[in-house]
Amino acid sequence: MRFPIPKEVEMVAASLRRNGFEAYFVGGCVRDLIIGREPKDWDITTNATPEKIQAVFPDSFYENDYGTVGVKTGSENEHTAIVEVTPYRTESVYSDKRRPDKVEFGTSLNEDLARRDFTINAIALNDSKGHIVDPYEGLKDIKDKIIRAVGNPRERFNEDALRMLRAVRLVAELGFGIDGYTAAAISENSKHLGHVSRERVRDEFVRILNSNQPMNAIVLAQQLGILKFISDDLTRGIGIAQNQAHSYDVFGHLMRTMQHAADKGWNFDVRLAGLFHDVSKPETRRWSDEKNDWTFHGHEVVGSRVTKKALEDLRFSRETIDKVVKLVRWHMFFSDPDQITLSAVRRMITNVGEENIFDLLNLRICDRIGTGRPKEQPFRFRKYKAMVEQALRDPISVTMLNTDGSRIMEKFHMKPGPKVGYVLNALLEEVLDDSNLNTEEYLDKKTQELLTLPEDKLRNLGEAGKLRREAAEDEEIKHIMEKHHVC
């Protein structure tokens, strides 16, 4: 079997063989090549020791306990700039459920493949011969779209508990299912995830959310009993009925809100906020006899605190925590454009930050779809979005000029009065026609000319400029409204 392997990556394997060593591509890169996906990293296994690998590749580095040598290829592509070369390995018991107590370099490829997590990752490729080594029928599992542990799944998960979460992540990334025996072993051994560092759990969680199908994976994680090791707060919404505006319980709503963000290809922060935005509905739920329905007053305020604590526990960056907490806190913003003003919109922009306001609007879209409503942007929302864009836009005014009243008065020895305003409005009219004229040199020259005019003529020019500015401002707002189909 022949696969499209970048030349700079092939050269690493070829160099090992030229020096008398075996070299096989292995792991996720082989799996992705078979599936037809572009590998994000490249791994080679060999019978050479780390010292011998570095002798072949002087421009390499070796900074770990597992024998992995990073070989620099000189490629400008981040996915091919480093190829990881690791000796065949055998491993002892994993007393901490995460790392082997002892790593020894093996002598055969089959020994190395036997220690790997899933059959689809236990396939080796000799690219020079197009030869596949597949002792655990990984090719069949790829064809059947099944994730199955190598050998005894209980042993694999007792060795490294993170493999259970990795199985769920592969479901999200590949769209595969999990073999029944493997799934049963995850359920039986889920408690071992408590031994895994929060950073490692976070890294798998991030990859799940950045996949195309995060909802399937998170629901599966809950069914297998491992979602609580990501965040137990997410499980509290299961079976919690909502008000009549919602078609799903709180958990189902969170899943669908997050999934819509993935369907739209929106960024990680919106996906994460979608997953947590209603996390505190269970503890704020109250029955209203007046409405004959459930209410959730203040759930966004309580939820922002719960979200902050959950993300801190997962060791997210301060930047991510601050942004997602803001999105959760303000996701219930009042958006009826018939009852709010531009100043109210500006206050909301201040609350969440200009850099976050459109992510907040996207979260609101996801929230709406997550309720089961078919239309993501009704007229009212589109009009509010237009108001946000209007509030963010610099208004057309004399402040756009590369001069101002103070400068004109000082330079031309003028006293404060309406004459200064006439000059500024007249200058603005010229700049609106040709933005290249907006230089101090030209504006000073034009100001000198304007000040030689009779006051009534200057007044007329100033008034004409003011009308032109107002017309230009109205035209800009009209374009914004047309863009959002709210004219």
Protein backbone atom coordinates (compact mmCIF):
# COMPACT_ATOMS: atom_id res chain seq x y z
CA MET A 1 0.00 0.00 0.00
CA ARG A 2 1.34 3.43 -0.99
CA PHE A 3 0.47 6.62 0.86
CA PRO A 4 1.20 10.34 0.34
CA ILE A 5 4.00 10.92 2.85
CA PRO A 6 5.87 14.26 2.72
CA LYS A 7 9.40 13.89 1.35
CA GLU A 8 11.08 15.47 4.38
CA VAL A 9 9.32 12.91 6.59
CA GLU A 10 10.21 10.00 4.31
CA MET A 11 13.85 11.10 4.46
CA VAL A 12 13.94 10.49 8.23
CA ALA A 13 12.87 6.85 7.80
CA ALA A 14 15.21 6.43 4.84
CA SER A 15 18.18 7.78 6.81
CA LEU A 16 17.59 5.25 9.60
CA ARG A 17 17.49 2.40 7.10
CA ARG A 18 20.65 3.61 5.34
CA ASN A 19 22.40 3.36 8.69
CA GLY A 20 21.31 -0.24 9.17
CA PHE A 21 18.24 0.26 11.37
CA GLU A 22 14.58 -0.69 10.95
CA ALA A 23 12.07 2.14 10.58
CA TYR A 24 8.27 1.99 10.64
CA PHE A 25 5.69 4.73 10.72
CA VAL A 26 3.30 3.94 13.53
CA GLY A 27 0.34 5.21 15.54
CA GLY A 28 -2.04 8.00 14.61
CA CYS A 29 -0.22 9.01 11.43
CA VAL A 30 -0.68 5.53 9.93
CA ARG A 31 -4.30 5.43 11.02
CA ASP A 32 -4.97 8.82 9.42
CA LEU A 33 -3.21 7.84 6.18
CA ILE A 34 -5.42 4.76 5.90
CA ILE A 35 -8.58 6.76 6.64
CA GLY A 36 -7.58 9.44 4.17
CA ARG A 37 -6.97 12.21 6.70
CA GLU A 38 -3.88 14.40 6.73
CA PRO A 39 -1.74 13.47 9.77
CA LYS A 40 -1.06 16.27 12.23
CA ASP A 41 2.16 14.67 13.45
CA TRP A 42 4.51 11.89 12.41
CA ASP A 43 5.89 9.06 14.53
CA ILE A 44 8.51 6.49 13.59
CA THR A 45 9.55 3.48 15.66
CA THR A 46 12.90 1.77 15.25
CA ASN A 47 15.29 -0.78 16.76
CA ALA A 48 17.90 1.97 17.26
CA THR A 49 18.50 3.32 20.77
CA PRO A 50 18.12 7.06 21.45
CA GLU A 51 21.91 7.55 21.31
CA LYS A 52 22.13 5.85 17.93
CA ILE A 53 19.17 7.83 16.61
CA GLN A 54 20.90 11.06 17.60
CA ALA A 55 24.09 9.87 15.95
CA VAL A 56 22.15 9.60 12.68
CA PHE A 57 20.49 12.99 13.25
CA PRO A 58 22.87 15.40 15.01
CA ASP A 59 20.26 18.19 14.81
CA SER A 60 17.81 16.44 17.13
CA PHE A 61 16.76 16.58 20.78
CA TYR A 62 16.02 14.02 23.48
CA GLU A 63 14.38 15.33 26.68
CA ASN A 64 12.09 12.59 28.02
CA ASP A 65 12.03 9.25 29.81
CA TYR A 66 10.53 7.30 26.94
CA GLY A 67 13.36 7.34 24.45
CA THR A 68 11.60 9.65 22.00
CA VAL A 69 13.98 11.71 19.89
CA GLY A 70 12.69 14.79 18.07
CA VAL A 71 14.23 14.98 14.60
CA LYS A 72 14.17 18.38 12.90
CA THR A 73 13.36 18.13 9.19
CA GLY A 74 13.82 21.77 8.23
CA SER A 75 10.24 21.93 6.96
CA GLU A 76 8.32 25.19 7.34
CA ASN A 77 5.10 23.21 7.80
CA GLU A 78 4.39 22.87 11.53
CA HIS A 79 3.03 19.35 11.01
CA THR A 80 6.22 18.08 9.38
CA ALA A 81 8.87 20.25 11.06
CA ILE A 82 9.49 17.60 13.74
CA VAL A 83 9.34 13.82 13.35
CA GLU A 84 9.34 11.85 16.60
CA VAL A 85 11.50 8.72 16.48
CA THR A 86 11.13 6.24 19.34
CA PRO A 87 12.89 2.94 19.96
CA TYR A 88 10.82 -0.21 20.23
CA ARG A 89 9.62 -0.31 23.84
CA THR A 90 8.26 -2.65 26.46
CA GLU A 91 6.69 -1.32 29.65
CA SER A 92 6.28 -2.52 33.24
CA VAL A 93 3.25 -2.01 35.52
CA TYR A 94 1.54 1.39 35.77
CA SER A 95 1.14 1.86 39.54
CA ASP A 96 -0.16 5.44 39.13
CA LYS A 97 -2.63 4.46 36.35
CA ARG A 98 -0.87 6.88 34.01
CA ARG A 99 2.84 6.18 33.43
CA PRO A 100 4.79 2.93 33.36
CA ASP A 101 7.03 2.46 36.38
CA LYS A 102 9.77 1.29 34.07
CA VAL A 103 10.42 1.62 30.34
CA GLU A 104 12.78 -0.74 28.56
CA PHE A 105 13.83 -0.63 24.95
CA GLY A 106 12.62 -3.70 23.08
CA THR A 107 14.02 -5.60 20.17
CA SER A 108 10.97 -6.23 17.98
CA LEU A 109 8.17 -4.28 16.34
CA ASN A 110 5.53 -6.70 17.64
CA GLU A 111 6.61 -6.06 21.23
CA ASP A 112 6.13 -2.36 20.62
CA LEU A 113 2.71 -2.70 18.99
CA ALA A 114 1.48 -4.91 21.85
CA ARG A 115 1.77 -2.02 24.35
CA ARG A 116 -0.36 0.42 22.33
CA ASP A 117 -3.86 1.54 23.26
CA PHE A 118 -6.24 0.76 20.38
CA THR A 119 -6.03 -1.53 17.38
CA ILE A 120 -6.41 1.38 14.97
CA ASN A 121 -3.25 2.88 16.51
CA ALA A 122 -1.33 -0.42 16.52
CA ILE A 123 -0.66 -0.54 12.78
CA ALA A 124 2.87 -0.04 11.42
CA LEU A 125 3.89 1.00 7.91
CA ASN A 126 7.18 0.40 6.10
CA ASP A 127 6.85 3.17 3.52
CA SER A 128 9.80 1.95 1.42
CA LYS A 129 8.02 -1.33 0.69
CA GLY A 130 4.42 -0.21 1.17
CA HIS A 131 4.18 -3.01 3.74
CA ILE A 132 1.59 -2.91 6.56
CA VAL A 133 2.11 -4.73 9.87
CA ASP A 134 -1.28 -5.25 11.54
CA PRO A 135 -1.21 -7.95 14.25
CA TYR A 136 -4.45 -6.78 15.96
CA GLU A 137 -6.67 -6.32 12.89
CA GLY A 138 -6.65 -2.54 13.08
CA LEU A 139 -7.37 -2.31 9.34
CA LYS A 140 -10.61 -4.22 9.84
CA ASP A 141 -11.59 -1.98 12.74
CA ILE A 142 -10.92 1.11 10.62
CA LYS A 143 -13.13 -0.35 7.90
CA ASP A 144 -15.83 -1.18 10.47
CA LYS A 145 -15.33 2.21 12.21
CA ILE A 146 -14.74 0.62 15.59
CA ILE A 147 -12.47 1.67 18.44
CA ARG A 148 -11.23 -1.48 20.18
CA ALA A 149 -8.51 -1.88 22.77
CA VAL A 150 -5.40 -3.90 22.00
CA GLY A 151 -5.70 -7.21 23.86
CA ASN A 152 -7.54 -7.09 27.20
CA PRO A 153 -9.23 -3.67 27.53
CA ARG A 154 -9.23 -3.81 31.33
CA GLU A 155 -5.47 -4.23 31.32
CA ARG A 156 -5.03 -1.36 28.86
CA PHE A 157 -7.12 1.03 30.99
CA ASN A 158 -5.49 -0.08 34.24
CA GLU A 159 -2.15 0.74 32.65
CA ASP A 160 -3.19 4.23 31.54
CA ALA A 161 -6.56 5.58 32.64
CA LEU A 162 -6.38 8.49 30.19
CA ARG A 163 -6.93 5.98 27.39
CA MET A 164 -10.62 5.84 28.39
CA LEU A 165 -11.07 9.53 27.68
CA ARG A 166 -8.94 9.20 24.55
CA ALA A 167 -11.38 6.57 23.25
CA VAL A 168 -14.22 9.07 23.59
CA ARG A 169 -12.13 11.76 21.91
CA LEU A 170 -11.51 9.45 18.94
CA VAL A 171 -15.29 8.96 18.67
CA ALA A 172 -15.61 12.73 18.30
CA GLU A 173 -12.74 13.12 15.82
CA LEU A 174 -13.29 10.04 13.65
CA GLY A 175 -17.02 9.41 13.95
CA PHE A 176 -16.35 5.81 15.04
CA GLY A 177 -18.17 3.70 17.62
CA ILE A 178 -16.65 1.86 20.58
CA ASP A 179 -16.43 -1.92 20.72
CA GLY A 180 -18.77 -3.40 23.35
CA TYR A 181 -16.06 -5.07 25.46
CA THR A 182 -13.98 -1.91 25.34
CA ALA A 183 -16.96 0.22 26.39
CA ALA A 184 -17.78 -2.14 29.26
CA ALA A 185 -14.19 -1.94 30.48
CA ILE A 186 -14.36 1.86 30.45
CA SER A 187 -17.50 1.81 32.60
CA GLU A 188 -15.93 -0.64 35.04
CA ASN A 189 -12.66 1.28 35.35
CA SER A 190 -13.86 4.89 35.08
CA LYS A 191 -12.80 5.63 38.67
CA HIS A 192 -9.16 5.40 37.62
CA LEU A 193 -9.52 8.70 35.75
CA GLY A 194 -9.34 10.32 39.16
CA HIS A 195 -5.60 9.51 39.14
CA VAL A 196 -4.98 11.47 35.93
CA SER A 197 -3.75 15.08 36.09
CA ARG A 198 -6.33 17.74 35.35
CA GLU A 199 -4.10 19.15 32.61
CA ARG A 200 -4.17 15.85 30.69
CA VAL A 201 -7.94 15.57 31.10
CA ARG A 202 -8.28 19.15 29.87
CA ASP A 203 -6.18 18.48 26.78
CA GLU A 204 -8.43 15.58 25.71
CA PHE A 205 -11.53 17.65 26.54
CA VAL A 206 -10.28 20.50 24.34
CA ARG A 207 -9.79 18.13 21.42
CA ILE A 208 -13.31 16.77 21.92
CA LEU A 209 -14.83 20.24 21.81
CA ASN A 210 -12.76 21.22 18.78
CA SER A 211 -14.00 18.19 16.84
CA ASN A 212 -16.96 18.11 14.46
CA GLN A 213 -19.08 15.91 16.74
CA PRO A 214 -18.52 16.98 20.36
CA MET A 215 -22.13 16.23 21.37
CA ASN A 216 -21.84 12.53 20.53
CA ALA A 217 -18.64 12.26 22.55
CA ILE A 218 -19.88 14.15 25.62
CA VAL A 219 -23.12 12.14 25.71
CA LEU A 220 -21.09 8.94 25.37
CA ALA A 221 -18.76 10.08 28.16
CA GLN A 222 -21.81 10.52 30.39
CA GLN A 223 -23.17 7.10 29.48
CA LEU A 224 -19.82 5.46 30.25
CA GLY A 225 -19.51 7.25 33.60
CA ILE A 226 -16.49 9.40 32.78
CA LEU A 227 -18.07 12.83 32.16
CA LYS A 228 -17.96 13.55 35.89
CA PHE A 229 -14.17 13.39 35.67
CA ILE A 230 -14.26 16.26 33.17
CA SER A 231 -16.78 18.27 35.19
CA ASP A 232 -19.42 16.86 37.48
CA ASP A 233 -21.35 20.13 37.10
CA LEU A 234 -22.32 19.09 33.57
CA THR A 235 -24.11 15.96 34.79
CA ARG A 236 -26.45 17.85 37.12
CA GLY A 237 -28.71 18.93 34.25
CA ILE A 238 -29.69 15.38 33.31
CA GLY A 239 -33.46 15.00 33.64
CA ILE A 240 -33.98 18.60 34.77
CA ALA A 241 -37.07 19.75 32.85
CA GLN A 242 -37.19 23.34 31.61
CA ASN A 243 -39.96 25.79 30.79
CA GLN A 244 -42.25 25.58 27.80
CA ALA A 245 -39.79 27.45 25.55
CA HIS A 246 -37.48 24.41 25.63
CA SER A 247 -37.86 21.01 23.98
CA TYR A 248 -35.08 19.32 25.99
CA ASP A 249 -33.90 18.93 29.57
CA VAL A 250 -31.00 21.11 30.72
CA PHE A 251 -28.36 18.53 29.75
CA GLY A 252 -29.84 18.01 26.28
CA HIS A 253 -30.04 21.76 25.78
CA LEU A 254 -26.38 22.25 26.73
CA MET A 255 -25.34 19.49 24.33
CA ARG A 256 -27.27 20.96 21.40
CA THR A 257 -26.09 24.50 22.09
CA MET A 258 -22.47 23.33 22.05
CA GLN A 259 -23.02 21.19 18.95
CA HIS A 260 -24.51 24.07 16.97
CA ALA A 261 -21.35 26.09 17.64
CA ALA A 262 -19.37 23.17 16.21
CA ASP A 263 -21.74 22.88 13.23
CA LYS A 264 -21.12 26.56 12.46
CA GLY A 265 -17.36 26.13 12.82
CA TRP A 266 -17.22 28.74 15.59
CA ASN A 267 -14.28 29.04 17.92
CA PHE A 268 -13.48 26.99 21.02
CA ASP A 269 -14.59 29.69 23.46
CA VAL A 270 -18.11 29.78 22.02
CA ARG A 271 -18.30 25.97 22.14
CA LEU A 272 -17.12 25.91 25.75
CA ALA A 273 -19.51 28.70 26.76
CA GLY A 274 -22.33 26.84 24.97
CA LEU A 275 -21.59 23.77 27.09
CA PHE A 276 -21.65 25.72 30.37
CA HIS A 277 -24.02 28.64 29.75
CA ASP A 278 -27.01 27.10 31.59
CA VAL A 279 -24.99 24.91 33.97
CA SER A 280 -26.67 26.46 37.04
CA LYS A 281 -30.28 26.06 35.96
CA PRO A 282 -30.72 23.04 38.30
CA GLU A 283 -29.99 25.01 41.48
CA THR A 284 -31.89 28.15 40.39
CA ARG A 285 -35.03 26.36 39.19
CA ARG A 286 -38.23 27.47 40.94
CA TRP A 287 -41.87 26.76 40.18
CA SER A 288 -44.03 29.82 39.42
CA ASP A 289 -47.75 29.46 40.11
CA GLU A 290 -48.26 32.76 38.35
CA LYS A 291 -46.65 31.53 35.13
CA ASN A 292 -47.57 27.90 35.71
CA ASP A 293 -44.05 27.07 34.63
CA TRP A 294 -40.45 26.77 35.80
CA THR A 295 -38.28 29.87 36.24
CA PHE A 296 -34.48 30.12 36.45
CA HIS A 297 -33.88 33.65 37.73
CA GLY A 298 -30.21 34.52 38.08
CA HIS A 299 -28.94 31.29 36.57
CA GLU A 300 -26.48 33.23 34.42
CA VAL A 301 -24.94 34.93 37.48
CA VAL A 302 -24.65 31.72 39.49
CA GLY A 303 -23.55 29.87 36.36
CA SER A 304 -20.67 32.26 35.71
CA ARG A 305 -19.27 31.46 39.18
CA VAL A 306 -19.70 27.71 38.69
CA THR A 307 -18.09 27.93 35.26
CA LYS A 308 -15.12 29.85 36.64
CA LYS A 309 -14.51 27.21 39.30
CA ALA A 310 -14.89 24.34 36.81
CA LEU A 311 -12.46 25.85 34.31
CA GLU A 312 -9.95 26.69 37.01
CA ASP A 313 -10.13 23.07 38.16
CA LEU A 314 -9.28 21.99 34.60
CA ARG A 315 -6.31 24.40 34.59
CA PHE A 316 -7.50 26.50 31.67
CA SER A 317 -5.60 29.70 30.95
CA ARG A 318 -6.69 32.89 32.66
CA GLU A 319 -7.52 34.36 29.24
CA THR A 320 -9.90 31.49 28.38
CA ILE A 321 -11.53 31.54 31.82
CA ASP A 322 -12.13 35.29 31.77
CA LYS A 323 -13.69 35.23 28.32
CA VAL A 324 -15.93 32.18 28.80
CA VAL A 325 -17.11 33.42 32.21
CA LYS A 326 -18.11 36.73 30.59
CA LEU A 327 -20.02 34.94 27.85
CA VAL A 328 -21.88 32.81 30.41
CA ARG A 329 -22.58 35.82 32.66
CA TRP A 330 -24.08 37.99 29.92
CA HIS A 331 -25.75 35.42 27.63
CA MET A 332 -29.22 36.50 28.82
CA PHE A 333 -28.85 40.07 27.49
CA PHE A 334 -32.13 41.79 26.61
CA SER A 335 -32.29 42.03 22.83
CA ASP A 336 -35.62 43.60 21.90
CA PRO A 337 -34.58 46.53 19.67
CA ASP A 338 -38.04 48.09 20.04
CA GLN A 339 -37.43 48.60 23.76
CA ILE A 340 -33.72 49.35 24.05
CA THR A 341 -31.50 52.20 22.90
CA LEU A 342 -28.05 52.39 21.36
CA SER A 343 -26.73 53.47 24.77
CA ALA A 344 -28.04 50.19 26.26
CA VAL A 345 -26.30 48.27 23.49
CA ARG A 346 -23.09 50.17 24.21
CA ARG A 347 -23.36 49.23 27.89
CA MET A 348 -23.60 45.56 26.94
CA ILE A 349 -20.55 45.92 24.70
CA THR A 350 -18.71 47.44 27.67
CA ASN A 351 -19.78 44.56 29.93
CA VAL A 352 -18.51 41.79 27.67
CA GLY A 353 -15.81 43.68 25.76
CA GLU A 354 -15.67 44.78 22.12
CA GLU A 355 -13.45 41.80 21.32
CA ASN A 356 -16.11 39.39 22.66
CA ILE A 357 -19.41 40.93 21.58
CA PHE A 358 -19.84 38.94 18.36
CA ASP A 359 -18.96 35.71 20.16
CA LEU A 360 -21.74 36.60 22.63
CA LEU A 361 -24.16 37.06 19.73
CA ASN A 362 -23.08 33.71 18.29
CA LEU A 363 -23.63 32.07 21.68
CA ARG A 364 -27.14 33.49 21.69
CA ILE A 365 -27.77 31.94 18.27
CA CYS A 366 -26.55 28.56 19.56
CA ASP A 367 -28.69 28.95 22.68
CA ARG A 368 -31.76 29.52 20.54
CA ILE A 369 -31.14 26.48 18.34
CA GLY A 370 -30.42 24.44 21.48
CA THR A 371 -34.00 25.02 22.67
CA GLY A 372 -35.31 23.22 19.60
CA ARG A 373 -36.38 26.35 17.71
CA PRO A 374 -35.82 26.05 13.96
CA LYS A 375 -34.82 29.66 13.18
CA GLU A 376 -31.47 30.86 14.51
CA GLN A 377 -31.76 34.58 13.67
CA PRO A 378 -35.30 36.01 13.82
CA PHE A 379 -35.93 39.61 12.79
CA ARG A 380 -35.55 41.00 16.34
CA PHE A 381 -32.15 39.41 16.76
CA ARG A 382 -30.91 40.58 13.36
CA LYS A 383 -31.97 44.12 14.25
CA TYR A 384 -30.13 43.92 17.57
CA LYS A 385 -27.03 42.67 15.74
CA ALA A 386 -27.27 45.66 13.41
CA MET A 387 -27.47 47.95 16.44
CA VAL A 388 -24.30 46.35 17.84
CA GLU A 389 -22.49 47.00 14.57
CA GLN A 390 -23.82 50.55 14.56
CA ALA A 391 -22.65 51.11 18.15
CA LEU A 392 -19.17 49.78 17.34
CA ARG A 393 -18.74 51.88 14.22
CA ASP A 394 -16.94 55.19 14.49
CA PRO A 395 -19.60 57.80 13.64
CA ILE A 396 -18.96 60.15 10.75
CA SER A 397 -17.99 63.38 12.46
CA VAL A 398 -15.39 66.12 12.53
CA THR A 399 -13.38 63.94 14.96
CA MET A 400 -12.30 62.00 11.86
CA LEU A 401 -10.25 65.01 10.72
CA ASN A 402 -6.51 65.24 11.30
CA THR A 403 -7.11 68.60 12.94
CA ASP A 404 -9.48 69.92 15.57
CA GLY A 405 -10.93 73.14 17.00
CA SER A 406 -8.18 73.67 19.55
CA ARG A 407 -5.48 73.33 16.95
CA ILE A 408 -7.23 75.70 14.53
CA MET A 409 -7.76 78.35 17.23
CA GLU A 410 -4.12 78.17 18.32
CA LYS A 411 -2.62 78.11 14.83
CA PHE A 412 -4.85 80.84 13.35
CA HIS A 413 -5.28 82.92 16.50
CA MET A 414 -9.06 82.49 16.67
CA LYS A 415 -11.42 82.84 19.60
CA PRO A 416 -14.00 80.13 20.45
CA GLY A 417 -17.22 80.52 18.52
CA PRO A 418 -19.44 79.13 15.73
CA LYS A 419 -16.88 80.13 13.10
CA VAL A 420 -14.62 77.26 14.22
CA GLY A 421 -17.46 74.79 13.73
CA TYR A 422 -18.20 76.15 10.25
CA VAL A 423 -14.56 75.59 9.28
CA LEU A 424 -14.51 72.02 10.63
CA ASN A 425 -17.73 71.04 8.84
CA ALA A 426 -16.50 72.56 5.59
CA LEU A 427 -13.23 70.63 5.90
CA LEU A 428 -15.11 67.40 6.60
CA GLU A 429 -17.15 67.77 3.40
CA GLU A 430 -13.95 67.86 1.35
CA VAL A 431 -12.47 64.85 3.17
CA LEU A 432 -15.66 62.84 2.61
CA ASP A 433 -15.15 63.35 -1.12
CA ASP A 434 -11.45 62.47 -1.00
CA SER A 435 -9.91 60.82 2.09
CA ASN A 436 -6.42 61.55 0.71
CA LEU A 437 -6.97 65.19 1.64
CA ASN A 438 -7.12 64.34 5.35
CA THR A 439 -3.60 65.55 6.14
CA GLU A 440 -2.52 68.33 8.47
CA GLU A 441 -0.73 70.11 5.61
CA TYR A 442 -3.77 70.21 3.32
CA LEU A 443 -6.25 70.99 6.12
CA ASP A 444 -4.12 73.90 7.34
CA LYS A 445 -3.91 75.27 3.81
CA LYS A 446 -7.67 74.91 3.29
CA THR A 447 -8.41 76.46 6.69
CA GLN A 448 -6.38 79.51 5.70
CA GLU A 449 -8.49 79.85 2.53
CA LEU A 450 -11.79 79.42 4.37
CA LEU A 451 -10.92 82.09 6.92
CA THR A 452 -10.54 84.66 4.12
CA LEU A 453 -14.20 84.18 3.13
CA PRO A 454 -17.00 86.47 4.31
CA GLU A 455 -18.68 85.04 7.42
CA ASP A 456 -22.05 84.44 5.70
CA LYS A 457 -20.39 82.42 2.91
CA LEU A 458 -18.34 80.45 5.47
CA ARG A 459 -21.55 79.79 7.40
CA ASN A 460 -23.23 78.44 4.25
CA LEU A 461 -20.28 76.15 3.53
CA GLY A 462 -20.31 74.93 7.14
CA GLU A 463 -24.06 74.22 7.08
CA ALA A 464 -23.70 72.41 3.77
CA GLY A 465 -20.90 70.31 5.26
CA LYS A 466 -23.05 69.50 8.29
CA LEU A 467 -25.92 68.33 6.08
CA ARG A 468 -23.51 66.27 4.01
CA ARG A 469 -22.15 64.65 7.20
CA GLU A 470 -25.66 63.78 8.40
CA ALA A 471 -26.57 62.32 5.01
CA ALA A 472 -23.38 60.24 4.96
CA GLU A 473 -24.12 58.99 8.49
CA ASP A 474 -27.66 58.00 7.49
CA GLU A 475 -26.31 56.18 4.44
CA GLU A 476 -23.84 54.20 6.57
CA ILE A 477 -26.59 53.12 8.97
CA LYS A 478 -28.81 52.19 6.02
CA HIS A 479 -26.06 49.90 4.68
CA ILE A 480 -25.75 48.19 8.07
CA MET A 481 -29.51 47.61 8.25
CA GLU A 482 -29.59 46.24 4.69
CA LYS A 483 -26.70 43.91 5.51
CA HIS A 484 -28.72 42.35 8.34
CA HIS A 485 -32.02 42.44 6.36
CA VAL A 486 -33.79 44.68 8.85
CA CYS A 487 -34.69 47.67 6.68
